Amino acid sequence: MSRHDSGSGHQGSPGSRGSQGSQGSPGNKGIIISGGTVSDSALVAGENNRVTIRQRHDDAGAGQALAQARADTARLVELLASARYDVPDAPTAHAAALGLKDELDEEEPDQSRLRKWLGRLRGLVAGVAPLAELVVAVEESVRMLAGG
């Protein structure tokens, strides 16, 4: 090592300024991934860099997920109104199901409100398997709406 070499690494190491990439061209060429997949992730390397994530929404899939969530919620509302199952706090569960239905009927349902209604319903119908299964089905559809 010469006395002018700081020992901070070789040229092209992370954090070295003005380094050249492996192709010999100057500047940051980003992160190249060969093989495998990266999904729902943000990767960034180097100093003062940023990440831009572009998501492509599957409108057909989202439409199907919304339709399924609406159908399952309508069934849940119907079953709670019928008093077919012994739900400890049936009026509150029914009101929560109606709140969920109203939110799903919005042009663009709000994910945080959907999660709130679903969380409330999950607790209220936990001991009644057919109702709990419908809540889980709606939760899965809502996750698909959110893109994941």
N, C-alpha and C. Protein backbone atom coordinates (compact mmCIF):
# COMPACT_ATOMS: atom_id res chain seq x y z
N MET A 1 0.85 -1.17 0.00
CA MET A 1 0.00 0.00 0.00
C MET A 1 0.90 1.23 0.00
N SER A 2 0.62 2.17 -0.89
CA SER A 2 1.42 3.39 -0.92
C SER A 2 0.97 4.32 0.19
N ARG A 3 1.82 5.28 0.49
CA ARG A 3 1.43 6.20 1.57
C ARG A 3 0.27 7.11 1.17
N HIS A 4 -0.05 7.21 -0.11
CA HIS A 4 -1.20 8.02 -0.56
C HIS A 4 -2.49 7.21 -0.59
N ASP A 5 -2.42 5.89 -0.46
CA ASP A 5 -3.59 5.02 -0.47
C ASP A 5 -4.20 5.04 0.92
N SER A 6 -5.46 5.38 1.02
CA SER A 6 -6.10 5.49 2.33
C SER A 6 -6.49 4.13 2.89
N GLY A 7 -6.46 3.09 2.06
CA GLY A 7 -6.85 1.77 2.54
C GLY A 7 -8.34 1.61 2.69
N SER A 8 -9.12 2.49 2.11
CA SER A 8 -10.58 2.44 2.28
C SER A 8 -11.24 1.47 1.33
N GLY A 9 -10.47 0.74 0.56
CA GLY A 9 -11.07 -0.23 -0.35
C GLY A 9 -10.56 -0.02 -1.75
N HIS A 10 -10.94 -0.90 -2.65
CA HIS A 10 -10.50 -0.78 -4.04
C HIS A 10 -11.48 0.07 -4.82
N GLN A 11 -11.03 0.49 -6.01
CA GLN A 11 -11.89 1.31 -6.86
C GLN A 11 -13.14 0.53 -7.21
N GLY A 12 -14.27 1.18 -7.12
CA GLY A 12 -15.53 0.53 -7.42
C GLY A 12 -16.21 -0.05 -6.20
N SER A 13 -15.61 0.11 -5.03
CA SER A 13 -16.23 -0.42 -3.82
C SER A 13 -17.39 0.47 -3.40
N PRO A 14 -18.33 -0.08 -2.65
CA PRO A 14 -19.46 0.73 -2.20
C PRO A 14 -18.97 1.93 -1.41
N GLY A 15 -19.55 3.06 -1.71
CA GLY A 15 -19.20 4.27 -0.98
C GLY A 15 -18.06 5.05 -1.59
N SER A 16 -17.33 4.49 -2.57
CA SER A 16 -16.25 5.25 -3.18
C SER A 16 -16.85 6.19 -4.19
N ARG A 17 -16.42 7.42 -4.15
CA ARG A 17 -16.98 8.43 -5.04
C ARG A 17 -16.25 8.43 -6.37
N GLY A 18 -17.02 8.65 -7.41
CA GLY A 18 -16.42 8.76 -8.72
C GLY A 18 -15.90 7.44 -9.23
N SER A 19 -16.32 6.35 -8.67
CA SER A 19 -15.84 5.05 -9.11
C SER A 19 -16.48 4.67 -10.43
N GLN A 20 -15.85 3.78 -11.11
CA GLN A 20 -16.40 3.30 -12.37
C GLN A 20 -17.04 1.95 -12.14
N GLY A 21 -18.10 1.68 -12.87
CA GLY A 21 -18.78 0.41 -12.76
C GLY A 21 -17.96 -0.70 -13.39
N SER A 22 -18.45 -1.91 -13.34
CA SER A 22 -17.72 -3.05 -13.84
C SER A 22 -17.55 -3.00 -15.36
N GLN A 23 -18.33 -2.22 -16.06
CA GLN A 23 -18.22 -2.09 -17.50
C GLN A 23 -17.22 -1.02 -17.90
N GLY A 24 -16.66 -0.33 -16.94
CA GLY A 24 -15.69 0.72 -17.22
C GLY A 24 -16.32 2.06 -17.52
N SER A 25 -17.62 2.18 -17.43
CA SER A 25 -18.27 3.46 -17.67
C SER A 25 -18.47 4.17 -16.35
N PRO A 26 -18.35 5.48 -16.32
CA PRO A 26 -18.46 6.22 -15.06
C PRO A 26 -19.90 6.28 -14.56
N GLY A 27 -20.04 6.44 -13.26
CA GLY A 27 -21.34 6.70 -12.66
C GLY A 27 -22.01 5.46 -12.13
N ASN A 28 -23.12 5.69 -11.48
CA ASN A 28 -23.90 4.63 -10.85
C ASN A 28 -24.84 4.04 -11.89
N LYS A 29 -24.71 2.77 -12.13
CA LYS A 29 -25.57 2.09 -13.10
C LYS A 29 -26.71 1.34 -12.42
N GLY A 30 -26.89 1.54 -11.13
CA GLY A 30 -27.98 0.90 -10.43
C GLY A 30 -27.63 -0.48 -9.96
N ILE A 31 -28.64 -1.24 -9.64
CA ILE A 31 -28.47 -2.60 -9.15
C ILE A 31 -28.98 -3.53 -10.23
N ILE A 32 -28.17 -4.46 -10.60
CA ILE A 32 -28.56 -5.42 -11.62
C ILE A 32 -28.77 -6.76 -10.94
N ILE A 33 -29.93 -7.35 -11.15
CA ILE A 33 -30.24 -8.66 -10.58
C ILE A 33 -30.38 -9.62 -11.73
N SER A 34 -29.60 -10.67 -11.69
CA SER A 34 -29.63 -11.66 -12.73
C SER A 34 -30.14 -12.96 -12.13
N GLY A 35 -31.30 -13.39 -12.53
CA GLY A 35 -31.89 -14.60 -11.97
C GLY A 35 -32.65 -14.28 -10.71
N GLY A 36 -33.58 -15.10 -10.35
CA GLY A 36 -34.38 -14.86 -9.14
C GLY A 36 -35.38 -13.75 -9.37
N THR A 37 -36.03 -13.36 -8.29
CA THR A 37 -37.02 -12.31 -8.38
C THR A 37 -36.93 -11.39 -7.18
N VAL A 38 -37.37 -10.18 -7.37
CA VAL A 38 -37.52 -9.22 -6.29
C VAL A 38 -38.91 -8.66 -6.43
N SER A 39 -39.71 -8.75 -5.38
CA SER A 39 -41.06 -8.21 -5.46
C SER A 39 -41.40 -7.49 -4.18
N ASP A 40 -42.24 -6.46 -4.31
CA ASP A 40 -42.66 -5.65 -3.17
C ASP A 40 -41.48 -5.23 -2.32
N SER A 41 -40.39 -4.84 -2.97
CA SER A 41 -39.19 -4.48 -2.25
C SER A 41 -38.64 -3.17 -2.79
N ALA A 42 -37.87 -2.53 -1.98
CA ALA A 42 -37.16 -1.33 -2.39
C ALA A 42 -35.68 -1.59 -2.18
N LEU A 43 -34.90 -1.46 -3.22
CA LEU A 43 -33.45 -1.63 -3.14
C LEU A 43 -32.80 -0.33 -3.52
N VAL A 44 -31.79 0.03 -2.80
CA VAL A 44 -31.01 1.19 -3.16
C VAL A 44 -29.60 0.99 -2.62
N ALA A 45 -28.64 1.45 -3.37
CA ALA A 45 -27.25 1.35 -2.93
C ALA A 45 -26.55 2.66 -3.24
N GLY A 46 -25.56 2.96 -2.46
CA GLY A 46 -24.79 4.16 -2.70
C GLY A 46 -25.32 5.35 -1.95
N GLU A 47 -24.59 6.41 -2.14
CA GLU A 47 -24.88 7.64 -1.42
C GLU A 47 -25.86 8.52 -2.21
N ASN A 48 -26.81 9.12 -1.53
CA ASN A 48 -27.76 10.06 -2.14
C ASN A 48 -28.57 9.46 -3.29
N ASN A 49 -28.90 8.20 -3.20
CA ASN A 49 -29.71 7.55 -4.22
C ASN A 49 -31.14 7.44 -3.73
N ARG A 50 -32.04 7.16 -4.63
CA ARG A 50 -33.45 7.02 -4.26
C ARG A 50 -34.06 5.86 -5.04
N VAL A 51 -35.22 5.45 -4.59
CA VAL A 51 -35.93 4.34 -5.20
C VAL A 51 -37.24 4.86 -5.76
N THR A 52 -37.58 4.43 -6.94
CA THR A 52 -38.88 4.70 -7.53
C THR A 52 -39.55 3.35 -7.76
N ILE A 53 -40.74 3.19 -7.23
CA ILE A 53 -41.46 1.94 -7.41
C ILE A 53 -42.66 2.22 -8.28
N ARG A 54 -42.74 1.51 -9.36
CA ARG A 54 -43.91 1.64 -10.24
C ARG A 54 -44.69 0.35 -10.13
N GLN A 55 -45.95 0.48 -9.79
CA GLN A 55 -46.79 -0.69 -9.67
C GLN A 55 -47.79 -0.72 -10.81
N ARG A 56 -47.94 -1.90 -11.36
CA ARG A 56 -48.93 -2.09 -12.40
C ARG A 56 -50.09 -2.82 -11.76
N HIS A 57 -51.25 -2.24 -11.81
CA HIS A 57 -52.43 -2.85 -11.19
C HIS A 57 -53.15 -3.71 -12.20
N ASP A 58 -53.55 -4.85 -11.77
CA ASP A 58 -54.33 -5.76 -12.58
C ASP A 58 -55.80 -5.41 -12.36
N ASP A 59 -56.34 -4.55 -13.24
CA ASP A 59 -57.71 -4.07 -13.07
C ASP A 59 -58.73 -5.20 -13.08
N ALA A 60 -58.51 -6.20 -13.92
CA ALA A 60 -59.45 -7.33 -13.98
C ALA A 60 -59.41 -8.10 -12.67
N GLY A 61 -58.21 -8.36 -12.15
CA GLY A 61 -58.07 -9.08 -10.88
C GLY A 61 -58.65 -8.29 -9.73
N ALA A 62 -58.41 -6.97 -9.73
CA ALA A 62 -58.96 -6.13 -8.66
C ALA A 62 -60.48 -6.08 -8.75
N GLY A 63 -61.01 -6.03 -9.95
CA GLY A 63 -62.47 -6.03 -10.12
C GLY A 63 -63.09 -7.33 -9.62
N GLN A 64 -62.42 -8.44 -9.91
CA GLN A 64 -62.92 -9.73 -9.43
C GLN A 64 -62.83 -9.82 -7.92
N ALA A 65 -61.72 -9.32 -7.35
CA ALA A 65 -61.54 -9.36 -5.90
C ALA A 65 -62.61 -8.50 -5.21
N LEU A 66 -62.89 -7.33 -5.78
CA LEU A 66 -63.92 -6.45 -5.20
C LEU A 66 -65.29 -7.11 -5.30
N ALA A 67 -65.59 -7.71 -6.43
CA ALA A 67 -66.89 -8.39 -6.59
C ALA A 67 -67.02 -9.54 -5.60
N GLN A 68 -65.94 -10.29 -5.40
CA GLN A 68 -65.98 -11.41 -4.46
C GLN A 68 -66.13 -10.90 -3.02
N ALA A 69 -65.42 -9.83 -2.68
CA ALA A 69 -65.53 -9.26 -1.33
C ALA A 69 -66.95 -8.77 -1.08
N ARG A 70 -67.55 -8.15 -2.08
CA ARG A 70 -68.93 -7.66 -1.94
C ARG A 70 -69.90 -8.82 -1.77
N ALA A 71 -69.74 -9.88 -2.55
CA ALA A 71 -70.63 -11.04 -2.46
C ALA A 71 -70.50 -11.73 -1.10
N ASP A 72 -69.26 -11.92 -0.65
CA ASP A 72 -69.05 -12.57 0.65
C ASP A 72 -69.59 -11.71 1.80
N THR A 73 -69.44 -10.40 1.67
CA THR A 73 -69.94 -9.50 2.71
C THR A 73 -71.47 -9.49 2.72
N ALA A 74 -72.08 -9.50 1.55
CA ALA A 74 -73.55 -9.56 1.48
C ALA A 74 -74.05 -10.83 2.15
N ARG A 75 -73.36 -11.94 1.92
CA ARG A 75 -73.74 -13.21 2.56
C ARG A 75 -73.58 -13.12 4.07
N LEU A 76 -72.50 -12.48 4.52
CA LEU A 76 -72.25 -12.29 5.95
C LEU A 76 -73.35 -11.46 6.59
N VAL A 77 -73.74 -10.37 5.94
CA VAL A 77 -74.82 -9.51 6.44
C VAL A 77 -76.12 -10.31 6.53
N GLU A 78 -76.39 -11.09 5.50
CA GLU A 78 -77.61 -11.91 5.46
C GLU A 78 -77.63 -12.93 6.61
N LEU A 79 -76.53 -13.61 6.82
CA LEU A 79 -76.46 -14.62 7.88
C LEU A 79 -76.57 -14.00 9.27
N LEU A 80 -75.95 -12.86 9.45
CA LEU A 80 -76.05 -12.18 10.76
C LEU A 80 -77.47 -11.68 11.02
N ALA A 81 -78.13 -11.20 9.98
CA ALA A 81 -79.51 -10.70 10.13
C ALA A 81 -80.48 -11.84 10.41
N SER A 82 -80.18 -13.04 9.91
CA SER A 82 -81.10 -14.17 10.07
C SER A 82 -81.07 -14.78 11.47
N ALA A 83 -80.08 -14.43 12.24
CA ALA A 83 -79.90 -15.00 13.59
C ALA A 83 -79.78 -16.51 13.54
N ARG A 84 -79.30 -17.02 12.40
CA ARG A 84 -79.13 -18.46 12.23
C ARG A 84 -78.04 -19.01 13.14
N TYR A 85 -77.06 -18.19 13.42
CA TYR A 85 -75.94 -18.59 14.27
C TYR A 85 -75.98 -17.82 15.58
N ASP A 86 -75.50 -18.45 16.61
CA ASP A 86 -75.48 -17.82 17.94
C ASP A 86 -74.20 -16.99 18.07
N VAL A 87 -74.32 -15.72 17.73
CA VAL A 87 -73.19 -14.78 17.83
C VAL A 87 -73.39 -14.00 19.12
N PRO A 88 -72.39 -13.99 20.02
CA PRO A 88 -72.55 -13.33 21.32
C PRO A 88 -73.08 -11.89 21.26
N ASP A 89 -72.55 -11.08 20.36
CA ASP A 89 -73.03 -9.70 20.25
C ASP A 89 -73.50 -9.47 18.82
N ALA A 90 -74.59 -10.16 18.46
CA ALA A 90 -75.09 -10.16 17.09
C ALA A 90 -75.41 -8.77 16.54
N PRO A 91 -76.06 -7.87 17.33
CA PRO A 91 -76.35 -6.54 16.77
C PRO A 91 -75.07 -5.76 16.40
N THR A 92 -74.05 -5.88 17.23
CA THR A 92 -72.79 -5.18 16.93
C THR A 92 -72.11 -5.81 15.71
N ALA A 93 -72.14 -7.14 15.62
CA ALA A 93 -71.55 -7.83 14.48
C ALA A 93 -72.29 -7.45 13.19
N HIS A 94 -73.61 -7.38 13.26
CA HIS A 94 -74.40 -7.00 12.10
C HIS A 94 -74.07 -5.58 11.67
N ALA A 95 -73.97 -4.68 12.63
CA ALA A 95 -73.63 -3.28 12.32
C ALA A 95 -72.24 -3.19 11.68
N ALA A 96 -71.28 -3.98 12.18
CA ALA A 96 -69.94 -3.97 11.62
C ALA A 96 -69.96 -4.52 10.19
N ALA A 97 -70.74 -5.56 9.95
CA ALA A 97 -70.86 -6.11 8.60
C ALA A 97 -71.48 -5.10 7.65
N LEU A 98 -72.47 -4.34 8.14
CA LEU A 98 -73.07 -3.28 7.31
C LEU A 98 -72.06 -2.17 7.03
N GLY A 99 -71.24 -1.82 8.02
CA GLY A 99 -70.18 -0.83 7.80
C GLY A 99 -69.19 -1.30 6.75
N LEU A 100 -68.82 -2.57 6.82
CA LEU A 100 -67.92 -3.15 5.81
C LEU A 100 -68.57 -3.11 4.44
N LYS A 101 -69.84 -3.49 4.38
CA LYS A 101 -70.57 -3.47 3.10
C LYS A 101 -70.61 -2.07 2.51
N ASP A 102 -70.92 -1.08 3.35
CA ASP A 102 -70.98 0.31 2.88
C ASP A 102 -69.62 0.76 2.32
N GLU A 103 -68.55 0.39 3.00
CA GLU A 103 -67.22 0.78 2.53
C GLU A 103 -66.89 0.10 1.21
N LEU A 104 -67.23 -1.18 1.09
CA LEU A 104 -66.97 -1.91 -0.17
C LEU A 104 -67.80 -1.36 -1.32
N ASP A 105 -68.94 -0.75 -1.01
CA ASP A 105 -69.79 -0.17 -2.05
C ASP A 105 -69.29 1.18 -2.55
N GLU A 106 -68.29 1.75 -1.87
CA GLU A 106 -67.69 3.01 -2.33
C GLU A 106 -66.99 2.78 -3.67
N GLU A 107 -66.84 3.85 -4.45
CA GLU A 107 -66.15 3.75 -5.74
C GLU A 107 -64.72 3.26 -5.55
N GLU A 108 -64.04 3.81 -4.55
CA GLU A 108 -62.69 3.37 -4.20
C GLU A 108 -62.64 3.10 -2.70
N PRO A 109 -62.90 1.87 -2.30
CA PRO A 109 -62.92 1.54 -0.87
C PRO A 109 -61.58 1.88 -0.20
N ASP A 110 -61.66 2.43 0.99
CA ASP A 110 -60.47 2.81 1.76
C ASP A 110 -59.92 1.60 2.50
N GLN A 111 -58.68 1.25 2.24
CA GLN A 111 -58.06 0.06 2.83
C GLN A 111 -58.04 0.11 4.35
N SER A 112 -57.75 1.25 4.92
CA SER A 112 -57.68 1.32 6.39
C SER A 112 -59.04 1.11 7.02
N ARG A 113 -60.08 1.65 6.40
CA ARG A 113 -61.44 1.42 6.94
C ARG A 113 -61.86 -0.04 6.75
N LEU A 114 -61.50 -0.62 5.61
CA LEU A 114 -61.82 -2.04 5.40
C LEU A 114 -61.15 -2.90 6.46
N ARG A 115 -59.87 -2.63 6.73
CA ARG A 115 -59.15 -3.41 7.75
C ARG A 115 -59.76 -3.22 9.13
N LYS A 116 -60.24 -1.99 9.41
CA LYS A 116 -60.87 -1.72 10.71
C LYS A 116 -62.14 -2.56 10.86
N TRP A 117 -63.00 -2.54 9.85
CA TRP A 117 -64.24 -3.31 9.91
C TRP A 117 -63.95 -4.79 9.99
N LEU A 118 -63.00 -5.25 9.20
CA LEU A 118 -62.66 -6.68 9.20
C LEU A 118 -62.08 -7.12 10.54
N GLY A 119 -61.24 -6.29 11.13
CA GLY A 119 -60.68 -6.62 12.45
C GLY A 119 -61.77 -6.72 13.50
N ARG A 120 -62.70 -5.79 13.46
CA ARG A 120 -63.82 -5.81 14.40
C ARG A 120 -64.66 -7.08 14.20
N LEU A 121 -64.98 -7.37 12.95
CA LEU A 121 -65.79 -8.56 12.66
C LEU A 121 -65.07 -9.85 13.05
N ARG A 122 -63.77 -9.90 12.79
CA ARG A 122 -63.00 -11.10 13.12
C ARG A 122 -63.17 -11.45 14.60
N GLY A 123 -63.10 -10.44 15.46
CA GLY A 123 -63.26 -10.67 16.89
C GLY A 123 -64.69 -11.05 17.28
N LEU A 124 -65.66 -10.45 16.60
CA LEU A 124 -67.05 -10.67 16.96
C LEU A 124 -67.59 -12.04 16.54
N VAL A 125 -67.07 -12.59 15.45
CA VAL A 125 -67.59 -13.87 14.95
C VAL A 125 -66.57 -15.00 15.10
N ALA A 126 -65.54 -14.79 15.88
CA ALA A 126 -64.44 -15.76 15.99
C ALA A 126 -64.92 -17.16 16.38
N GLY A 127 -65.94 -17.27 17.20
CA GLY A 127 -66.40 -18.58 17.65
C GLY A 127 -67.39 -19.26 16.74
N VAL A 128 -67.71 -18.65 15.61
CA VAL A 128 -68.72 -19.20 14.70
C VAL A 128 -68.04 -19.46 13.35
N ALA A 129 -67.64 -20.71 13.14
CA ALA A 129 -66.80 -21.07 11.99
C ALA A 129 -67.31 -20.58 10.63
N PRO A 130 -68.58 -20.79 10.28
CA PRO A 130 -69.03 -20.34 8.95
C PRO A 130 -68.90 -18.83 8.75
N LEU A 131 -69.16 -18.07 9.80
CA LEU A 131 -69.04 -16.61 9.71
C LEU A 131 -67.57 -16.20 9.69
N ALA A 132 -66.76 -16.83 10.51
CA ALA A 132 -65.33 -16.53 10.56
C ALA A 132 -64.68 -16.84 9.21
N GLU A 133 -65.12 -17.91 8.55
CA GLU A 133 -64.58 -18.25 7.23
C GLU A 133 -64.93 -17.20 6.19
N LEU A 134 -66.13 -16.64 6.28
CA LEU A 134 -66.51 -15.56 5.37
C LEU A 134 -65.65 -14.32 5.60
N VAL A 135 -65.38 -14.01 6.85
CA VAL A 135 -64.53 -12.86 7.16
C VAL A 135 -63.13 -13.07 6.58
N VAL A 136 -62.59 -14.27 6.74
CA VAL A 136 -61.27 -14.58 6.18
C VAL A 136 -61.29 -14.45 4.65
N ALA A 137 -62.35 -14.91 4.01
CA ALA A 137 -62.48 -14.80 2.56
C ALA A 137 -62.49 -13.33 2.12
N VAL A 138 -63.22 -12.50 2.86
CA VAL A 138 -63.25 -11.07 2.53
C VAL A 138 -61.87 -10.46 2.74
N GLU A 139 -61.18 -10.85 3.81
CA GLU A 139 -59.83 -10.33 4.07
C GLU A 139 -58.89 -10.68 2.91
N GLU A 140 -59.00 -11.89 2.40
CA GLU A 140 -58.15 -12.30 1.26
C GLU A 140 -58.47 -11.47 0.02
N SER A 141 -59.74 -11.22 -0.23
CA SER A 141 -60.13 -10.39 -1.37
C SER A 141 -59.63 -8.96 -1.21
N VAL A 142 -59.70 -8.44 0.01
CA VAL A 142 -59.24 -7.08 0.27
C VAL A 142 -57.72 -6.99 0.07
N ARG A 143 -57.00 -8.03 0.47
CA ARG A 143 -55.54 -8.05 0.22
C ARG A 143 -55.26 -8.01 -1.27
N MET A 144 -56.06 -8.71 -2.05
CA MET A 144 -55.88 -8.69 -3.51
C MET A 144 -56.17 -7.30 -4.07
N LEU A 145 -57.14 -6.63 -3.49
CA LEU A 145 -57.46 -5.26 -3.91
C LEU A 145 -56.27 -4.33 -3.69
N ALA A 146 -55.58 -4.58 -2.58
CA ALA A 146 -54.44 -3.72 -2.22
C ALA A 146 -53.21 -4.07 -3.04
N GLY A 147 -53.29 -5.12 -3.85
CA GLY A 147 -52.14 -5.46 -4.69
C GLY A 147 -51.23 -6.49 -4.04
N GLY A 148 -51.70 -7.22 -3.12
CA GLY A 148 -50.81 -8.20 -2.53
C GLY A 148 -51.46 -9.00 -1.57
